[in-house]
Protein backbone atom coordinates (compact mmCIF):
# COMPACT_ATOMS: atom_id res chain seq x y z
CA MET A 1 0.00 0.06 -0.10
CA SER A 2 1.73 3.79 -0.90
CA PRO A 3 1.87 5.86 1.49
CA SER A 4 -0.21 8.96 2.57
CA ARG A 5 0.39 12.38 1.06
CA ALA A 6 0.46 13.59 4.54
CA SER A 7 3.22 10.96 5.52
CA LEU A 8 4.79 12.10 1.82
CA ARG A 9 4.61 16.12 3.19
CA ARG A 10 6.45 14.62 6.79
CA VAL A 11 9.27 13.44 5.30
CA PRO A 12 10.66 16.26 4.05
CA ARG A 13 9.49 18.48 6.46
CA ARG A 14 11.09 15.79 9.02
CA ALA A 15 14.32 16.20 6.95
CA ALA A 16 14.12 20.26 7.25
CA VAL A 17 14.22 20.66 10.27
CA LEU A 18 16.96 17.77 11.22
CA ALA A 19 19.04 19.53 8.92
CA ALA A 20 18.74 23.09 10.57
CA ALA A 21 19.31 21.03 13.84
CA LEU A 22 22.67 19.88 12.58
CA ALA A 23 23.16 23.21 11.30
CA ALA A 24 23.22 25.44 14.36
CA GLY A 25 25.51 22.69 16.48
CA THR A 26 28.46 22.91 13.88
CA LEU A 27 27.75 26.73 14.16
CA ALA A 28 27.61 26.31 18.00
CA LEU A 29 30.75 23.92 17.84
CA ALA A 30 32.27 26.97 15.65
CA GLY A 31 31.84 29.40 18.55
CA CYS A 32 33.81 27.19 21.36
CA THR A 33 36.39 26.02 19.32
CA GLY A 34 37.38 28.72 17.30
CA GLN A 35 36.59 27.02 13.66
CA GLN A 36 35.38 28.53 11.14
CA ALA A 37 31.14 28.64 10.79
CA GLY A 38 31.20 29.80 7.11
CA PRO A 39 30.75 33.14 5.54
CA SER A 40 29.05 35.82 5.65
CA GLY A 41 25.58 36.25 4.51
CA GLY A 42 23.62 37.28 6.89
CA ASP A 43 22.31 36.95 10.85
CA SER A 44 22.13 33.29 10.17
CA ASN A 45 26.51 33.39 11.13
CA ILE A 46 25.89 34.80 13.97
CA VAL A 47 28.36 32.31 16.39
CA GLN A 48 25.88 33.65 19.61
CA GLY A 49 27.95 34.24 23.41
CA THR A 50 26.73 33.51 26.53
CA GLY A 51 26.32 36.30 27.69
CA GLU A 52 28.98 36.13 30.63
CA ILE A 53 31.56 39.14 31.53
CA THR A 54 34.78 37.64 32.51
CA ARG A 55 37.46 39.28 34.77
CA VAL A 56 40.16 37.73 35.66
CA ALA A 57 42.70 39.07 38.36
CA ALA A 58 46.35 40.50 37.71
CA ALA A 59 48.18 37.45 38.85
CA ASP A 60 46.28 35.10 36.75
CA ARG A 61 46.03 36.49 33.44
CA GLN A 62 47.40 35.60 30.02
CA GLN A 63 48.99 37.20 27.24
CA ALA A 64 46.92 37.88 24.52
CA PRO A 65 48.71 36.33 21.11
CA ASP A 66 50.67 38.44 18.95
CA LEU A 67 48.02 39.50 16.17
CA THR A 68 49.35 41.41 12.77
CA GLY A 69 47.79 41.80 9.90
CA GLU A 70 46.28 44.66 6.73
CA GLY A 71 43.52 46.58 8.50
CA THR A 72 40.35 47.65 6.66
CA HIS A 73 41.58 50.71 5.29
CA GLY A 74 44.41 48.92 3.78
CA GLU A 75 46.87 49.73 6.74
CA GLN A 76 49.19 47.19 8.51
CA LEU A 77 48.46 46.79 12.26
CA ALA A 78 49.97 44.72 15.12
CA LEU A 79 48.78 44.44 18.54
CA ALA A 80 52.01 44.89 19.97
CA ASP A 81 51.92 48.51 19.01
CA TYR A 82 49.87 48.81 21.71
CA ARG A 83 51.75 47.60 24.37
CA GLY A 84 51.91 49.88 27.42
CA GLN A 85 47.73 50.73 26.19
CA VAL A 86 44.88 49.20 27.58
CA VAL A 87 43.34 48.03 24.48
CA VAL A 88 39.48 47.13 23.86
CA LEU A 89 39.53 44.72 20.91
CA ASN A 90 36.15 44.20 19.57
CA VAL A 91 35.15 40.68 17.11
CA TRP A 92 32.61 42.35 15.31
CA GLY A 93 31.07 41.95 11.65
CA SER A 94 29.16 44.58 9.63
CA TRP A 95 26.27 41.76 8.70
CA CYS A 96 25.95 40.96 12.47
CA ALA A 97 22.79 43.04 13.50
CA PRO A 98 24.15 43.12 17.13
CA CYS A 99 27.32 44.65 15.99
CA ARG A 100 25.49 47.10 15.12
CA ALA A 101 23.39 47.64 17.82
CA GLU A 102 26.84 48.14 20.06
CA ALA A 103 28.49 50.15 17.51
CA PRO A 104 27.40 53.09 18.98
CA ASN A 105 28.32 52.61 22.63
CA LEU A 106 31.75 51.30 21.44
CA ALA A 107 32.34 55.07 19.65
CA LYS A 108 31.28 56.71 22.57
CA VAL A 109 33.64 55.48 24.76
CA ALA A 110 36.13 55.01 22.49
CA ALA A 111 35.92 59.09 22.16
CA ASP A 112 36.04 59.30 25.75
CA THR A 113 38.86 57.83 26.83
CA ALA A 114 41.23 58.38 23.64
CA GLY A 115 43.19 60.69 26.50
CA GLN A 116 43.79 58.19 29.10
CA ASP A 117 46.07 55.92 27.69
CA VAL A 118 43.14 53.80 25.92
CA GLN A 119 43.48 51.99 22.53
CA PHE A 120 39.75 50.55 20.56
CA LEU A 121 40.66 48.13 18.16
CA GLY A 122 38.98 45.49 16.24
CA ILE A 123 38.84 42.66 14.21
CA ASN A 124 36.47 42.56 11.49
CA THR A 125 35.57 38.96 10.32
CA ARG A 126 33.78 36.74 7.77
CA ASP A 127 32.56 40.24 6.01
CA ARG A 128 33.81 39.16 2.26
CA ASP A 129 34.23 42.22 1.04
CA VAL A 130 36.39 45.04 2.58
CA VAL A 131 34.19 47.26 1.44
CA ASN A 132 31.11 46.03 3.98
CA ALA A 133 33.69 47.32 7.07
CA GLN A 134 34.26 50.68 5.64
CA ARG A 135 30.77 51.33 5.45
CA PHE A 136 30.26 50.16 8.86
CA ASP A 137 32.89 52.03 10.00
CA GLU A 138 31.47 55.23 8.53
CA ARG A 139 27.77 54.84 9.80
CA PHE A 140 27.97 54.63 12.72
CA GLY A 141 31.39 56.54 13.20
CA ILE A 142 34.29 54.17 14.15
CA GLU A 143 37.57 55.94 14.19
CA TYR A 144 39.80 53.15 15.36
CA PRO A 145 41.21 50.23 13.32
CA SER A 146 39.86 47.16 12.67
CA PHE A 147 41.94 44.00 11.22
CA PHE A 148 40.28 42.58 7.77
CA ASP A 149 39.66 38.69 9.06
CA PRO A 150 37.06 36.95 6.88
CA SER A 151 38.64 33.55 7.21
CA GLY A 152 38.55 34.50 11.08
CA ARG A 153 42.26 33.62 11.19
CA LEU A 154 43.53 35.93 13.80
CA ILE A 155 40.94 34.50 15.91
CA LEU A 156 42.19 30.80 15.79
CA GLU A 157 44.97 31.92 17.01
CA PHE A 158 43.91 32.40 20.38
CA PRO A 159 45.51 29.34 22.10
CA ARG A 160 42.34 26.67 23.03
CA GLY A 161 41.83 27.21 26.48
CA SER A 162 42.48 30.66 26.78
CA LEU A 163 39.62 33.69 27.08
CA SER A 164 39.35 33.68 23.07
CA PRO A 165 36.47 35.95 21.29
CA GLN A 166 34.55 32.63 20.90
CA ALA A 167 31.22 35.15 19.64
CA ILE A 168 30.62 37.80 17.11
CA PRO A 169 30.26 40.10 18.92
CA SER A 170 32.25 40.13 21.39
CA THR A 171 35.17 41.86 23.22
CA LEU A 172 38.00 41.25 24.91
CA ILE A 173 40.01 44.15 27.18
CA ILE A 174 43.56 43.81 27.53
CA ASP A 175 45.95 45.27 29.82
CA ARG A 176 48.50 47.60 29.73
CA GLU A 177 51.31 44.65 29.76
CA GLY A 178 49.88 42.86 26.86
CA ARG A 179 47.56 40.59 28.99
CA ILE A 180 43.86 39.58 28.76
CA ALA A 181 41.60 41.41 31.22
CA VAL A 182 38.35 40.95 30.44
CA ARG A 183 36.42 39.12 28.12
CA ALA A 184 32.46 40.12 27.07
CA LEU A 185 30.26 37.27 25.41
CA LYS A 186 27.91 39.18 24.62
CA PRO A 187 27.21 42.89 23.07
CA LEU A 188 27.99 45.63 25.27
CA SER A 189 25.69 48.60 26.28
CA GLU A 190 27.42 51.71 27.31
CA GLU A 191 27.44 50.80 31.35
CA ASP A 192 28.42 47.51 30.40
CA LEU A 193 31.95 48.36 28.54
CA ARG A 194 32.54 51.44 31.37
CA ALA A 195 31.98 48.70 34.18
CA ALA A 196 34.63 46.36 32.54
CA LEU A 197 36.95 48.71 31.34
CA ASP A 198 37.15 51.62 34.07
CA PRO A 199 38.91 49.23 36.66
CA VAL A 200 41.64 48.22 34.18
CA ILE A 201 41.99 51.82 33.30
CA ALA A 202 42.85 52.93 36.86
CA GLU A 203 45.07 49.82 36.63
CA LYS A 204 49.18 51.13 37.63
């Protein structure tokens, strides 16, 4: 006896649900291990964070890797160039709605702390075209530089088990000695960012 039309309709629907679940699992794994989850193309590529802000005592901090690469405006960037300053390192993509939501907060705090030995720096990831990143900067008044890292290569330089920026968006605050003092796996409000950053600025 041939299967009914209802049962035939259920098979592709069940297959679609399974495929979606597998894709979501792959994306979650990418966020935890640092593997690339796929190119930009919409908010489906967001690796959601846990919402946690982790603060590390000075004695327990790990060094950030020596990131180097080309910026979104063609300049050469190196994280080590900012040693001696507090660095706010934000991972973002122009395609990412939470990144767009937090961008004005980052721009404002960056401007407000410019005279306090604080350097903001971005890692633009999964944008296939650098023009998208440049337009993002213009739209949100971002004046600090960003690495152009469409493949996620720089994120993979953080050792497994370290406080890596394993979500999009995510933010690290790096102390004057180049050590990771804070990790935020969430889009940051202005208040969140100031509360995390001010104690690191105050360190001597």
